[in-house]
């Protein structure tokens, strides 16, 4: 991977792990990859990061479904859940494939460079 791509991925992983919407498993995978850069563990940690992000990224349909559920109402509050579901419908109509929260946006950006990341 060239340095420009590596710098971009480092930036996006930093965004991910510093996002309030990032789960602990993705934070851990991101931190482990960052810590492994330049070591013999880098490839292994890159693959683990990609695997974690592929499990964690939320599709726009998943966002809408969750926000429309009782669990979504518990997490967001009833009114905010309705807003999140409506937002999901709006971004879906605009062509979004994934949730656009900061963590999912970072996941999507990282996964777009998956081939370069895992070599």
PDB file of N, CA and C in Angstrom:
ATOM      1  N   UNK A   1       0.850  -1.172   0.000  1.00  0.00           N
ATOM      2  CA  UNK A   1       0.000   0.000   0.000  1.00  0.00           C
ATOM      3  C   UNK A   1       0.897   1.237   0.000  1.00  0.00           C
ATOM      4  N   UNK A   2       0.521   2.224  -0.799  1.00  0.00           N
ATOM      5  CA  UNK A   2       1.333   3.437  -0.848  1.00  0.00           C
ATOM      6  C   UNK A   2       1.076   4.299   0.391  1.00  0.00           C
ATOM      7  N   UNK A   3       1.960   5.233   0.642  1.00  0.00           N
ATOM      8  CA  UNK A   3       1.893   6.043   1.863  1.00  0.00           C
ATOM      9  C   UNK A   3       0.636   6.913   1.907  1.00  0.00           C
ATOM     10  N   UNK A   4       0.219   7.413   0.748  1.00  0.00           N
ATOM     11  CA  UNK A   4      -0.991   8.255   0.707  1.00  0.00           C
ATOM     12  C   UNK A   4      -2.206   7.446   1.175  1.00  0.00           C
ATOM     13  N   UNK A   5      -2.324   6.222   0.711  1.00  0.00           N
ATOM     14  CA  UNK A   5      -3.443   5.357   1.115  1.00  0.00           C
ATOM     15  C   UNK A   5      -3.331   5.012   2.590  1.00  0.00           C
ATOM     16  N   UNK A   6      -2.134   4.707   3.041  1.00  0.00           N
ATOM     17  CA  UNK A   6      -1.936   4.374   4.459  1.00  0.00           C
ATOM     18  C   UNK A   6      -2.314   5.561   5.345  1.00  0.00           C
ATOM     19  N   UNK A   7      -1.887   6.755   4.949  1.00  0.00           N
ATOM     20  CA  UNK A   7      -2.230   7.954   5.716  1.00  0.00           C
ATOM     21  C   UNK A   7      -3.752   8.157   5.758  1.00  0.00           C
ATOM     22  N   UNK A   8      -4.402   7.938   4.631  1.00  0.00           N
ATOM     23  CA  UNK A   8      -5.860   8.061   4.554  1.00  0.00           C
ATOM     24  C   UNK A   8      -6.524   7.058   5.504  1.00  0.00           C
ATOM     25  N   UNK A   9      -6.061   5.817   5.473  1.00  0.00           N
ATOM     26  CA  UNK A   9      -6.645   4.788   6.336  1.00  0.00           C
ATOM     27  C   UNK A   9      -6.389   5.075   7.814  1.00  0.00           C
ATOM     28  N   UNK A  10      -5.223   5.564   8.133  1.00  0.00           N
ATOM     29  CA  UNK A  10      -4.933   5.947   9.520  1.00  0.00           C
ATOM     30  C   UNK A  10      -5.906   7.040   9.969  1.00  0.00           C
ATOM     31  N   UNK A  11      -6.119   8.022   9.106  1.00  0.00           N
ATOM     32  CA  UNK A  11      -7.061   9.107   9.413  1.00  0.00           C
ATOM     33  C   UNK A  11      -8.475   8.562   9.647  1.00  0.00           C
ATOM     34  N   UNK A  12      -8.915   7.659   8.783  1.00  0.00           N
ATOM     35  CA  UNK A  12     -10.269   7.116   8.901  1.00  0.00           C
ATOM     36  C   UNK A  12     -10.410   6.210  10.122  1.00  0.00           C
ATOM     37  N   UNK A  13      -9.373   5.450  10.443  1.00  0.00           N
ATOM     38  CA  UNK A  13      -9.419   4.618  11.646  1.00  0.00           C
ATOM     39  C   UNK A  13      -9.438   5.503  12.879  1.00  0.00           C
ATOM     40  N   UNK A  14      -8.686   6.587  12.868  1.00  0.00           N
ATOM     41  CA  UNK A  14      -8.745   7.545  13.982  1.00  0.00           C
ATOM     42  C   UNK A  14     -10.159   8.116  14.128  1.00  0.00           C
ATOM     43  N   UNK A  15     -10.774   8.487  13.008  1.00  0.00           N
ATOM     44  CA  UNK A  15     -12.150   8.985  13.048  1.00  0.00           C
ATOM     45  C   UNK A  15     -13.076   7.936  13.644  1.00  0.00           C
ATOM     46  N   UNK A  16     -12.901   6.703  13.215  1.00  0.00           N
ATOM     47  CA  UNK A  16     -13.736   5.606  13.698  1.00  0.00           C
ATOM     48  C   UNK A  16     -13.616   5.456  15.204  1.00  0.00           C
ATOM     49  N   UNK A  17     -12.404   5.296  15.700  1.00  0.00           N
ATOM     50  CA  UNK A  17     -12.236   4.983  17.119  1.00  0.00           C
ATOM     51  C   UNK A  17     -12.587   6.166  18.014  1.00  0.00           C
ATOM     52  N   UNK A  18     -12.583   7.361  17.467  1.00  0.00           N
ATOM     53  CA  UNK A  18     -12.958   8.543  18.250  1.00  0.00           C
ATOM     54  C   UNK A  18     -14.424   8.928  18.099  1.00  0.00           C
ATOM     55  N   UNK A  19     -15.159   8.136  17.347  1.00  0.00           N
ATOM     56  CA  UNK A  19     -16.579   8.397  17.131  1.00  0.00           C
ATOM     57  C   UNK A  19     -17.405   7.901  18.315  1.00  0.00           C
ATOM     58  N   UNK A  20     -18.348   8.713  18.723  1.00  0.00           N
ATOM     59  CA  UNK A  20     -19.251   8.323  19.822  1.00  0.00           C
ATOM     60  C   UNK A  20     -20.125   7.139  19.433  1.00  0.00           C
ATOM     61  N   UNK A  21     -20.296   6.905  18.151  1.00  0.00           N
ATOM     62  CA  UNK A  21     -21.166   5.817  17.691  1.00  0.00           C
ATOM     63  C   UNK A  21     -20.414   4.523  17.396  1.00  0.00           C
ATOM     64  N   UNK A  22     -19.129   4.500  17.678  1.00  0.00           N
ATOM     65  CA  UNK A  22     -18.310   3.304  17.424  1.00  0.00           C
ATOM     66  C   UNK A  22     -18.424   2.330  18.586  1.00  0.00           C
ATOM     67  N   UNK A  23     -18.635   1.056  18.265  1.00  0.00           N
ATOM     68  CA  UNK A  23     -18.713   0.032  19.308  1.00  0.00           C
ATOM     69  C   UNK A  23     -17.313  -0.304  19.813  1.00  0.00           C
ATOM     70  N   UNK A  24     -17.253  -0.911  20.982  1.00  0.00           N
ATOM     71  CA  UNK A  24     -15.970  -1.225  21.607  1.00  0.00           C
ATOM     72  C   UNK A  24     -15.134  -2.204  20.780  1.00  0.00           C
ATOM     73  N   UNK A  25     -15.776  -3.198  20.158  1.00  0.00           N
ATOM     74  CA  UNK A  25     -15.017  -4.166  19.362  1.00  0.00           C
ATOM     75  C   UNK A  25     -14.326  -3.503  18.175  1.00  0.00           C
ATOM     76  N   UNK A  26     -15.014  -2.575  17.524  1.00  0.00           N
ATOM     77  CA  UNK A  26     -14.399  -1.867  16.395  1.00  0.00           C
ATOM     78  C   UNK A  26     -13.294  -0.937  16.886  1.00  0.00           C
ATOM     79  N   UNK A  27     -13.503  -0.287  18.038  1.00  0.00           N
ATOM     80  CA  UNK A  27     -12.441   0.560  18.607  1.00  0.00           C
ATOM     81  C   UNK A  27     -11.197  -0.271  18.878  1.00  0.00           C
ATOM     82  N   UNK A  28     -11.400  -1.428  19.479  1.00  0.00           N
ATOM     83  CA  UNK A  28     -10.270  -2.303  19.791  1.00  0.00           C
ATOM     84  C   UNK A  28      -9.550  -2.734  18.524  1.00  0.00           C
ATOM     85  N   UNK A  29     -10.301  -3.179  17.521  1.00  0.00           N
ATOM     86  CA  UNK A  29      -9.693  -3.615  16.261  1.00  0.00           C
ATOM     87  C   UNK A  29      -8.948  -2.468  15.595  1.00  0.00           C
ATOM     88  N   UNK A  30      -9.526  -1.283  15.630  1.00  0.00           N
ATOM     89  CA  UNK A  30      -8.866  -0.120  15.039  1.00  0.00           C
ATOM     90  C   UNK A  30      -7.580   0.233  15.761  1.00  0.00           C
ATOM     91  N   UNK A  31      -7.633   0.253  17.096  1.00  0.00           N
ATOM     92  CA  UNK A  31      -6.436   0.567  17.879  1.00  0.00           C
ATOM     93  C   UNK A  31      -5.350  -0.481  17.665  1.00  0.00           C
ATOM     94  N   UNK A  32      -5.759  -1.745  17.596  1.00  0.00           N
ATOM     95  CA  UNK A  32      -4.771  -2.808  17.388  1.00  0.00           C
ATOM     96  C   UNK A  32      -4.107  -2.688  16.030  1.00  0.00           C
ATOM     97  N   UNK A  33      -4.876  -2.322  15.004  1.00  0.00           N
ATOM     98  CA  UNK A  33      -4.266  -2.134  13.692  1.00  0.00           C
ATOM     99  C   UNK A  33      -3.296  -0.953  13.735  1.00  0.00           C
ATOM    100  N   UNK A  34      -3.719   0.161  14.312  1.00  0.00           N
ATOM    101  CA  UNK A  34      -2.835   1.326  14.399  1.00  0.00           C
ATOM    102  C   UNK A  34      -1.539   0.978  15.125  1.00  0.00           C
ATOM    103  N   UNK A  35      -1.665   0.242  16.223  1.00  0.00           N
ATOM    104  CA  UNK A  35      -0.479  -0.142  17.001  1.00  0.00           C
ATOM    105  C   UNK A  35       0.425  -1.112  16.244  1.00  0.00           C
ATOM    106  N   UNK A  36      -0.141  -1.836  15.286  1.00  0.00           N
ATOM    107  CA  UNK A  36       0.635  -2.851  14.564  1.00  0.00           C
ATOM    108  C   UNK A  36       1.348  -2.316  13.325  1.00  0.00           C
ATOM    109  N   UNK A  37       1.055  -1.086  12.943  1.00  0.00           N
ATOM    110  CA  UNK A  37       1.637  -0.539  11.712  1.00  0.00           C
ATOM    111  C   UNK A  37       3.165  -0.598  11.791  1.00  0.00           C
ATOM    112  N   UNK A  38       3.742  -1.190  10.768  1.00  0.00           N
ATOM    113  CA  UNK A  38       5.190  -1.315  10.689  1.00  0.00           C
ATOM    114  C   UNK A  38       5.752  -2.538  11.402  1.00  0.00           C
ATOM    115  N   UNK A  39       4.859  -3.368  11.937  1.00  0.00           N
ATOM    116  CA  UNK A  39       5.317  -4.585  12.626  1.00  0.00           C
ATOM    117  C   UNK A  39       4.921  -5.810  11.810  1.00  0.00           C
ATOM    118  N   UNK A  40       5.355  -6.977  12.255  1.00  0.00           N
ATOM    119  CA  UNK A  40       4.990  -8.215  11.571  1.00  0.00           C
ATOM    120  C   UNK A  40       3.535  -8.604  11.830  1.00  0.00           C
ATOM    121  N   UNK A  41       2.837  -7.881  12.680  1.00  0.00           N
ATOM    122  CA  UNK A  41       1.419  -8.151  12.981  1.00  0.00           C
ATOM    123  C   UNK A  41       0.475  -7.296  12.143  1.00  0.00           C
ATOM    124  N   UNK A  42       1.004  -6.383  11.347  1.00  0.00           N
ATOM    125  CA  UNK A  42       0.169  -5.436  10.619  1.00  0.00           C
ATOM    126  C   UNK A  42      -0.848  -6.125   9.709  1.00  0.00           C
ATOM    127  N   UNK A  43      -0.421  -7.102   8.939  1.00  0.00           N
ATOM    128  CA  UNK A  43      -1.323  -7.802   8.026  1.00  0.00           C
ATOM    129  C   UNK A  43      -2.428  -8.530   8.781  1.00  0.00           C
ATOM    130  N   UNK A  44      -2.045  -9.205   9.839  1.00  0.00           N
ATOM    131  CA  UNK A  44      -3.013  -9.939  10.667  1.00  0.00           C
ATOM    132  C   UNK A  44      -4.039  -8.976  11.275  1.00  0.00           C
ATOM    133  N   UNK A  45      -3.583  -7.843  11.783  1.00  0.00           N
ATOM    134  CA  UNK A  45      -4.477  -6.878  12.427  1.00  0.00           C
ATOM    135  C   UNK A  45      -5.340  -6.150  11.398  1.00  0.00           C
ATOM    136  N   UNK A  46      -4.813  -5.974  10.193  1.00  0.00           N
ATOM    137  CA  UNK A  46      -5.602  -5.371   9.115  1.00  0.00           C
ATOM    138  C   UNK A  46      -6.773  -6.289   8.748  1.00  0.00           C
ATOM    139  N   UNK A  47      -6.494  -7.575   8.626  1.00  0.00           N
ATOM    140  CA  UNK A  47      -7.550  -8.538   8.313  1.00  0.00           C
ATOM    141  C   UNK A  47      -8.590  -8.587   9.430  1.00  0.00           C
ATOM    142  N   UNK A  48      -8.143  -8.535  10.679  1.00  0.00           N
ATOM    143  CA  UNK A  48      -9.073  -8.545  11.815  1.00  0.00           C
ATOM    144  C   UNK A  48      -9.924  -7.280  11.816  1.00  0.00           C
ATOM    145  N   UNK A  49      -9.330  -6.149  11.470  1.00  0.00           N
ATOM    146  CA  UNK A  49     -10.083  -4.895  11.393  1.00  0.00           C
ATOM    147  C   UNK A  49     -11.162  -4.975  10.326  1.00  0.00           C
ATOM    148  N   UNK A  50     -10.799  -5.430   9.152  1.00  0.00           N
ATOM    149  CA  UNK A  50     -11.778  -5.554   8.063  1.00  0.00           C
ATOM    150  C   UNK A  50     -12.905  -6.494   8.463  1.00  0.00           C
ATOM    151  N   UNK A  51     -12.563  -7.620   9.049  1.00  0.00           N
ATOM    152  CA  UNK A  51     -13.580  -8.577   9.489  1.00  0.00           C
ATOM    153  C   UNK A  51     -14.540  -7.933  10.486  1.00  0.00           C
ATOM    154  N   UNK A  52     -14.006  -7.187  11.433  1.00  0.00           N
ATOM    155  CA  UNK A  52     -14.844  -6.520  12.437  1.00  0.00           C
ATOM    156  C   UNK A  52     -15.746  -5.472  11.793  1.00  0.00           C
ATOM    157  N   UNK A  53     -15.191  -4.667  10.916  1.00  0.00           N
ATOM    158  CA  UNK A  53     -15.973  -3.606  10.295  1.00  0.00           C
ATOM    159  C   UNK A  53     -17.075  -4.166   9.396  1.00  0.00           C
ATOM    160  N   UNK A  54     -16.787  -5.265   8.718  1.00  0.00           N
ATOM    161  CA  UNK A  54     -17.824  -5.889   7.889  1.00  0.00           C
ATOM    162  C   UNK A  54     -18.986  -6.395   8.730  1.00  0.00           C
ATOM    163  N   UNK A  55     -18.706  -6.789   9.974  1.00  0.00           N
ATOM    164  CA  UNK A  55     -19.771  -7.227  10.882  1.00  0.00           C
ATOM    165  C   UNK A  55     -20.527  -6.037  11.474  1.00  0.00           C
ATOM    166  N   UNK A  56     -19.820  -4.929  11.674  1.00  0.00           N
ATOM    167  CA  UNK A  56     -20.390  -3.809  12.425  1.00  0.00           C
ATOM    168  C   UNK A  56     -21.123  -2.768  11.591  1.00  0.00           C
ATOM    169  N   UNK A  57     -20.709  -2.564  10.359  1.00  0.00           N
ATOM    170  CA  UNK A  57     -21.329  -1.500   9.570  1.00  0.00           C
ATOM    171  C   UNK A  57     -22.831  -1.786   9.419  1.00  0.00           C
ATOM    172  N   UNK A  58     -23.614  -0.747   9.585  1.00  0.00           N
ATOM    173  CA  UNK A  58     -25.071  -0.887   9.561  1.00  0.00           C
ATOM    174  C   UNK A  58     -25.596  -0.454   8.194  1.00  0.00           C
ATOM    175  N   UNK A  59     -26.353  -1.334   7.568  1.00  0.00           N
ATOM    176  CA  UNK A  59     -26.971  -0.960   6.301  1.00  0.00           C
ATOM    177  C   UNK A  59     -28.049   0.076   6.570  1.00  0.00           C
ATOM    178  N   UNK A  60     -28.396   0.821   5.550  1.00  0.00           N
ATOM    179  CA  UNK A  60     -29.454   1.817   5.708  1.00  0.00           C
ATOM    180  C   UNK A  60     -30.768   1.126   6.074  1.00  0.00           C
ATOM    181  N   UNK A  61     -31.018  -0.051   5.505  1.00  0.00           N
ATOM    182  CA  UNK A  61     -32.235  -0.787   5.872  1.00  0.00           C
ATOM    183  C   UNK A  61     -32.180  -1.238   7.332  1.00  0.00           C
ATOM    184  N   UNK A  62     -31.011  -1.628   7.789  1.00  0.00           N
ATOM    185  CA  UNK A  62     -30.846  -2.008   9.185  1.00  0.00           C
ATOM    186  C   UNK A  62     -31.074  -0.825  10.119  1.00  0.00           C
ATOM    187  N   UNK A  63     -30.604   0.343   9.712  1.00  0.00           N
ATOM    188  CA  UNK A  63     -30.827   1.564  10.493  1.00  0.00           C
ATOM    189  C   UNK A  63     -32.313   1.854  10.615  1.00  0.00           C
ATOM    190  N   UNK A  64     -33.010   1.806   9.501  1.00  0.00           N
ATOM    191  CA  UNK A  64     -34.446   2.087   9.497  1.00  0.00           C
ATOM    192  C   UNK A  64     -35.181   1.073  10.359  1.00  0.00           C
ATOM    193  N   UNK A  65     -34.847  -0.187  10.189  1.00  0.00           N
ATOM    194  CA  UNK A  65     -35.493  -1.253  10.958  1.00  0.00           C
ATOM    195  C   UNK A  65     -35.252  -1.069  12.454  1.00  0.00           C
ATOM    196  N   UNK A  66     -34.003  -0.794  12.830  1.00  0.00           N
ATOM    197  CA  UNK A  66     -33.684  -0.622  14.246  1.00  0.00           C
ATOM    198  C   UNK A  66     -34.383   0.605  14.820  1.00  0.00           C
ATOM    199  N   UNK A  67     -34.292   1.715  14.109  1.00  0.00           N
ATOM    200  CA  UNK A  67     -34.898   2.953  14.610  1.00  0.00           C
ATOM    201  C   UNK A  67     -36.409   2.824  14.739  1.00  0.00           C
ATOM    202  N   UNK A  68     -37.010   1.959  13.949  1.00  0.00           N
ATOM    203  CA  UNK A  68     -38.462   1.761  13.968  1.00  0.00           C
ATOM    204  C   UNK A  68     -38.899   0.735  15.004  1.00  0.00           C
ATOM    205  N   UNK A  69     -37.954   0.123  15.681  1.00  0.00           N
ATOM    206  CA  UNK A  69     -38.274  -0.941  16.639  1.00  0.00           C
ATOM    207  C   UNK A  69     -38.374  -0.404  18.067  1.00  0.00           C
ATOM    208  N   UNK A  70     -38.874  -1.268  18.945  1.00  0.00           N
ATOM    209  CA  UNK A  70     -38.919  -0.908  20.368  1.00  0.00           C
ATOM    210  C   UNK A  70     -37.509  -0.692  20.907  1.00  0.00           C
ATOM    211  N   UNK A  71     -36.573  -1.514  20.466  1.00  0.00           N
ATOM    212  CA  UNK A  71     -35.183  -1.362  20.917  1.00  0.00           C
ATOM    213  C   UNK A  71     -34.632  -0.003  20.481  1.00  0.00           C
ATOM    214  N   UNK A  72     -34.956   0.404  19.275  1.00  0.00           N
ATOM    215  CA  UNK A  72     -34.517   1.712  18.790  1.00  0.00           C
ATOM    216  C   UNK A  72     -35.095   2.844  19.612  1.00  0.00           C
ATOM    217  N   UNK A  73     -36.363   2.701  19.987  1.00  0.00           N
ATOM    218  CA  UNK A  73     -37.007   3.719  20.823  1.00  0.00           C
ATOM    219  C   UNK A  73     -36.338   3.795  22.195  1.00  0.00           C
ATOM    220  N   UNK A  74     -35.898   2.646  22.697  1.00  0.00           N
ATOM    221  CA  UNK A  74     -35.212   2.634  23.997  1.00  0.00           C
ATOM    222  C   UNK A  74     -33.847   3.311  23.900  1.00  0.00           C
ATOM    223  N   UNK A  75     -33.154   3.087  22.802  1.00  0.00           N
ATOM    224  CA  UNK A  75     -31.820   3.661  22.632  1.00  0.00           C
ATOM    225  C   UNK A  75     -31.889   5.163  22.347  1.00  0.00           C
ATOM    226  N   UNK A  76     -32.743   5.539  21.401  1.00  0.00           N
ATOM    227  CA  UNK A  76     -32.801   6.927  20.956  1.00  0.00           C
ATOM    228  C   UNK A  76     -33.823   7.778  21.695  1.00  0.00           C
ATOM    229  N   UNK A  77     -34.834   7.129  22.292  1.00  0.00           N
ATOM    230  CA  UNK A  77     -36.014   7.845  22.768  1.00  0.00           C
ATOM    231  C   UNK A  77     -37.030   7.818  21.649  1.00  0.00           C
ATOM    232  N   UNK A  78     -38.295   7.809  21.989  1.00  0.00           N
ATOM    233  CA  UNK A  78     -39.355   7.605  20.988  1.00  0.00           C
ATOM    234  C   UNK A  78     -39.319   8.630  19.860  1.00  0.00           C
ATOM    235  N   UNK A  79     -39.217   9.895  20.198  1.00  0.00           N
ATOM    236  CA  UNK A  79     -39.243  10.938  19.162  1.00  0.00           C
ATOM    237  C   UNK A  79     -37.988  10.916  18.300  1.00  0.00           C
ATOM    238  N   UNK A  80     -36.843  10.772  18.936  1.00  0.00           N
ATOM    239  CA  UNK A  80     -35.585  10.736  18.183  1.00  0.00           C
ATOM    240  C   UNK A  80     -35.541   9.509  17.282  1.00  0.00           C
ATOM    241  N   UNK A  81     -36.077   8.380  17.744  1.00  0.00           N
ATOM    242  CA  UNK A  81     -36.112   7.165  16.925  1.00  0.00           C
ATOM    243  C   UNK A  81     -36.898   7.407  15.646  1.00  0.00           C
ATOM    244  N   UNK A  82     -38.017   8.131  15.754  1.00  0.00           N
ATOM    245  CA  UNK A  82     -38.807   8.463  14.556  1.00  0.00           C
ATOM    246  C   UNK A  82     -37.993   9.331  13.606  1.00  0.00           C
ATOM    247  N   UNK A  83     -37.243  10.275  14.174  1.00  0.00           N
ATOM    248  CA  UNK A  83     -36.394  11.141  13.345  1.00  0.00           C
ATOM    249  C   UNK A  83     -35.296  10.336  12.656  1.00  0.00           C
ATOM    250  N   UNK A  84     -34.694   9.406  13.389  1.00  0.00           N
ATOM    251  CA  UNK A  84     -33.628   8.576  12.824  1.00  0.00           C
ATOM    252  C   UNK A  84     -34.186   7.699  11.702  1.00  0.00           C
ATOM    253  N   UNK A  85     -35.357   7.112  11.925  1.00  0.00           N
ATOM    254  CA  UNK A  85     -35.982   6.280  10.887  1.00  0.00           C
ATOM    255  C   UNK A  85     -36.288   7.120   9.644  1.00  0.00           C
ATOM    256  N   UNK A  86     -36.818   8.318   9.850  1.00  0.00           N
ATOM    257  CA  UNK A  86     -37.129   9.204   8.722  1.00  0.00           C
ATOM    258  C   UNK A  86     -35.837   9.597   8.000  1.00  0.00           C
ATOM    259  N   UNK A  87     -34.795   9.876   8.755  1.00  0.00           N
ATOM    260  CA  UNK A  87     -33.505  10.206   8.152  1.00  0.00           C
ATOM    261  C   UNK A  87     -32.998   9.021   7.325  1.00  0.00           C
ATOM    262  N   UNK A  88     -33.152   7.818   7.869  1.00  0.00           N
ATOM    263  CA  UNK A  88     -32.743   6.625   7.139  1.00  0.00           C
ATOM    264  C   UNK A  88     -33.476   6.498   5.816  1.00  0.00           C
ATOM    265  N   UNK A  89     -34.766   6.748   5.847  1.00  0.00           N
ATOM    266  CA  UNK A  89     -35.566   6.696   4.604  1.00  0.00           C
ATOM    267  C   UNK A  89     -35.069   7.748   3.611  1.00  0.00           C
ATOM    268  N   UNK A  90     -34.740   8.924   4.131  1.00  0.00           N
ATOM    269  CA  UNK A  90     -34.268  10.019   3.278  1.00  0.00           C
ATOM    270  C   UNK A  90     -32.942   9.674   2.602  1.00  0.00           C
ATOM    271  N   UNK A  91     -31.993   9.160   3.378  1.00  0.00           N
ATOM    272  CA  UNK A  91     -30.702   8.853   2.765  1.00  0.00           C
ATOM    273  C   UNK A  91     -30.795   7.630   1.854  1.00  0.00           C
ATOM    274  N   UNK A  92     -31.720   6.728   2.159  1.00  0.00           N
ATOM    275  CA  UNK A  92     -31.933   5.572   1.277  1.00  0.00           C
ATOM    276  C   UNK A  92     -32.434   6.045  -0.084  1.00  0.00           C
ATOM    277  N   UNK A  93     -33.392   6.976  -0.079  1.00  0.00           N
ATOM    278  CA  UNK A  93     -33.919   7.523  -1.334  1.00  0.00           C
ATOM    279  C   UNK A  93     -32.823   8.211  -2.135  1.00  0.00           C
ATOM    280  N   UNK A  94     -31.847   8.774  -1.417  1.00  0.00           N
ATOM    281  CA  UNK A  94     -30.735   9.463  -2.080  1.00  0.00           C
ATOM    282  C   UNK A  94     -29.653   8.488  -2.557  1.00  0.00           C
ATOM    283  N   UNK A  95     -29.853   7.182  -2.264  1.00  0.00           N
ATOM    284  CA  UNK A  95     -28.928   6.178  -2.763  1.00  0.00           C
ATOM    285  C   UNK A  95     -27.948   5.619  -1.753  1.00  0.00           C
ATOM    286  N   UNK A  96     -28.074   6.014  -0.492  1.00  0.00           N
ATOM    287  CA  UNK A  96     -27.139   5.507   0.523  1.00  0.00           C
ATOM    288  C   UNK A  96     -27.326   4.010   0.722  1.00  0.00           C
ATOM    289  N   UNK A  97     -26.226   3.332   0.925  1.00  0.00           N
ATOM    290  CA  UNK A  97     -26.246   1.895   1.190  1.00  0.00           C
ATOM    291  C   UNK A  97     -26.114   1.629   2.690  1.00  0.00           C
ATOM    292  N   UNK A  98     -25.433   2.552   3.378  1.00  0.00           N
ATOM    293  CA  UNK A  98     -25.142   2.379   4.797  1.00  0.00           C
ATOM    294  C   UNK A  98     -25.624   3.572   5.614  1.00  0.00           C
ATOM    295  N   UNK A  99     -25.751   3.331   6.904  1.00  0.00           N
ATOM    296  CA  UNK A  99     -26.002   4.384   7.887  1.00  0.00           C
ATOM    297  C   UNK A  99     -24.926   5.450   7.699  1.00  0.00           C
ATOM    298  N   UNK A 100     -25.264   6.695   7.967  1.00  0.00           N
ATOM    299  CA  UNK A 100     -24.274   7.760   7.795  1.00  0.00           C
ATOM    300  C   UNK A 100     -23.797   8.358   9.111  1.00  0.00           C
ATOM    301  N   UNK A 101     -23.982   7.618  10.209  1.00  0.00           N
ATOM    302  CA  UNK A 101     -23.417   8.094  11.483  1.00  0.00           C
ATOM    303  C   UNK A 101     -21.895   8.134  11.334  1.00  0.00           C
ATOM    304  N   UNK A 102     -21.208   8.842  12.205  1.00  0.00           N
ATOM    305  CA  UNK A 102     -19.743   8.951  12.056  1.00  0.00           C
ATOM    306  C   UNK A 102     -19.014   7.604  12.005  1.00  0.00           C
ATOM    307  N   UNK A 103     -19.427   6.648  12.824  1.00  0.00           N
ATOM    308  CA  UNK A 103     -18.739   5.347  12.819  1.00  0.00           C
ATOM    309  C   UNK A 103     -18.982   4.599  11.517  1.00  0.00           C
ATOM    310  N   UNK A 104     -20.224   4.543  11.078  1.00  0.00           N
ATOM    311  CA  UNK A 104     -20.520   3.823   9.835  1.00  0.00           C
ATOM    312  C   UNK A 104     -19.887   4.520   8.625  1.00  0.00           C
ATOM    313  N   UNK A 105     -19.862   5.848   8.635  1.00  0.00           N
ATOM    314  CA  UNK A 105     -19.216   6.571   7.539  1.00  0.00           C
ATOM    315  C   UNK A 105     -17.728   6.236   7.483  1.00  0.00           C
ATOM    316  N   UNK A 106     -17.082   6.163   8.642  1.00  0.00           N
ATOM    317  CA  UNK A 106     -15.666   5.789   8.678  1.00  0.00           C
ATOM    318  C   UNK A 106     -15.489   4.341   8.235  1.00  0.00           C
ATOM    319  N   UNK A 107     -16.360   3.454   8.700  1.00  0.00           N
ATOM    320  CA  UNK A 107     -16.300   2.042   8.279  1.00  0.00           C
ATOM    321  C   UNK A 107     -16.386   1.941   6.760  1.00  0.00           C
ATOM    322  N   UNK A 108     -17.355   2.639   6.195  1.00  0.00           N
ATOM    323  CA  UNK A 108     -17.541   2.578   4.749  1.00  0.00           C
ATOM    324  C   UNK A 108     -16.288   3.062   4.021  1.00  0.00           C
ATOM    325  N   UNK A 109     -15.699   4.152   4.482  1.00  0.00           N
ATOM    326  CA  UNK A 109     -14.493   4.689   3.849  1.00  0.00           C
ATOM    327  C   UNK A 109     -13.331   3.692   3.951  1.00  0.00           C
ATOM    328  N   UNK A 110     -13.192   3.068   5.107  1.00  0.00           N
ATOM    329  CA  UNK A 110     -12.118   2.080   5.299  1.00  0.00           C
ATOM    330  C   UNK A 110     -12.354   0.862   4.413  1.00  0.00           C
ATOM    331  N   UNK A 111     -13.595   0.377   4.400  1.00  0.00           N
ATOM    332  CA  UNK A 111     -13.899  -0.817   3.615  1.00  0.00           C
ATOM    333  C   UNK A 111     -13.771  -0.571   2.109  1.00  0.00           C
ATOM    334  N   UNK A 112     -13.926   0.676   1.681  1.00  0.00           N
ATOM    335  CA  UNK A 112     -13.703   1.003   0.267  1.00  0.00           C
ATOM    336  C   UNK A 112     -12.243   0.784  -0.126  1.00  0.00           C
ATOM    337  N   UNK A 113     -11.353   0.790   0.864  1.00  0.00           N
ATOM    338  CA  UNK A 113      -9.916   0.581   0.633  1.00  0.00           C
ATOM    339  C   UNK A 113      -9.485  -0.789   1.148  1.00  0.00           C
ATOM    340  N   UNK A 114     -10.449  -1.697   1.278  1.00  0.00           N
ATOM    341  CA  UNK A 114     -10.196  -3.038   1.835  1.00  0.00           C
ATOM    342  C   UNK A 114      -9.052  -3.749   1.101  1.00  0.00           C
ATOM    343  N   UNK A 115      -9.075  -3.746  -0.206  1.00  0.00           N
ATOM    344  CA  UNK A 115      -8.060  -4.460  -0.983  1.00  0.00           C
ATOM    345  C   UNK A 115      -6.658  -3.945  -0.668  1.00  0.00           C
ATOM    346  N   UNK A 116      -6.532  -2.623  -0.556  1.00  0.00           N
ATOM    347  CA  UNK A 116      -5.235  -2.063  -0.231  1.00  0.00           C
ATOM    348  C   UNK A 116      -4.831  -2.360   1.204  1.00  0.00           C
ATOM    349  N   UNK A 117      -5.807  -2.338   2.106  1.00  0.00           N
ATOM    350  CA  UNK A 117      -5.542  -2.550   3.520  1.00  0.00           C
ATOM    351  C   UNK A 117      -5.038  -3.965   3.802  1.00  0.00           C
ATOM    352  N   UNK A 118      -5.718  -4.937   3.221  1.00  0.00           N
ATOM    353  CA  UNK A 118      -5.333  -6.324   3.517  1.00  0.00           C
ATOM    354  C   UNK A 118      -4.341  -6.905   2.523  1.00  0.00           C
ATOM    355  N   UNK A 119      -4.043  -6.109   1.487  1.00  0.00           N
ATOM    356  CA  UNK A 119      -3.030  -6.527   0.527  1.00  0.00           C
ATOM    357  C   UNK A 119      -3.546  -7.586  -0.353  1.00  0.00           C
TER     358      UNK A 119
END
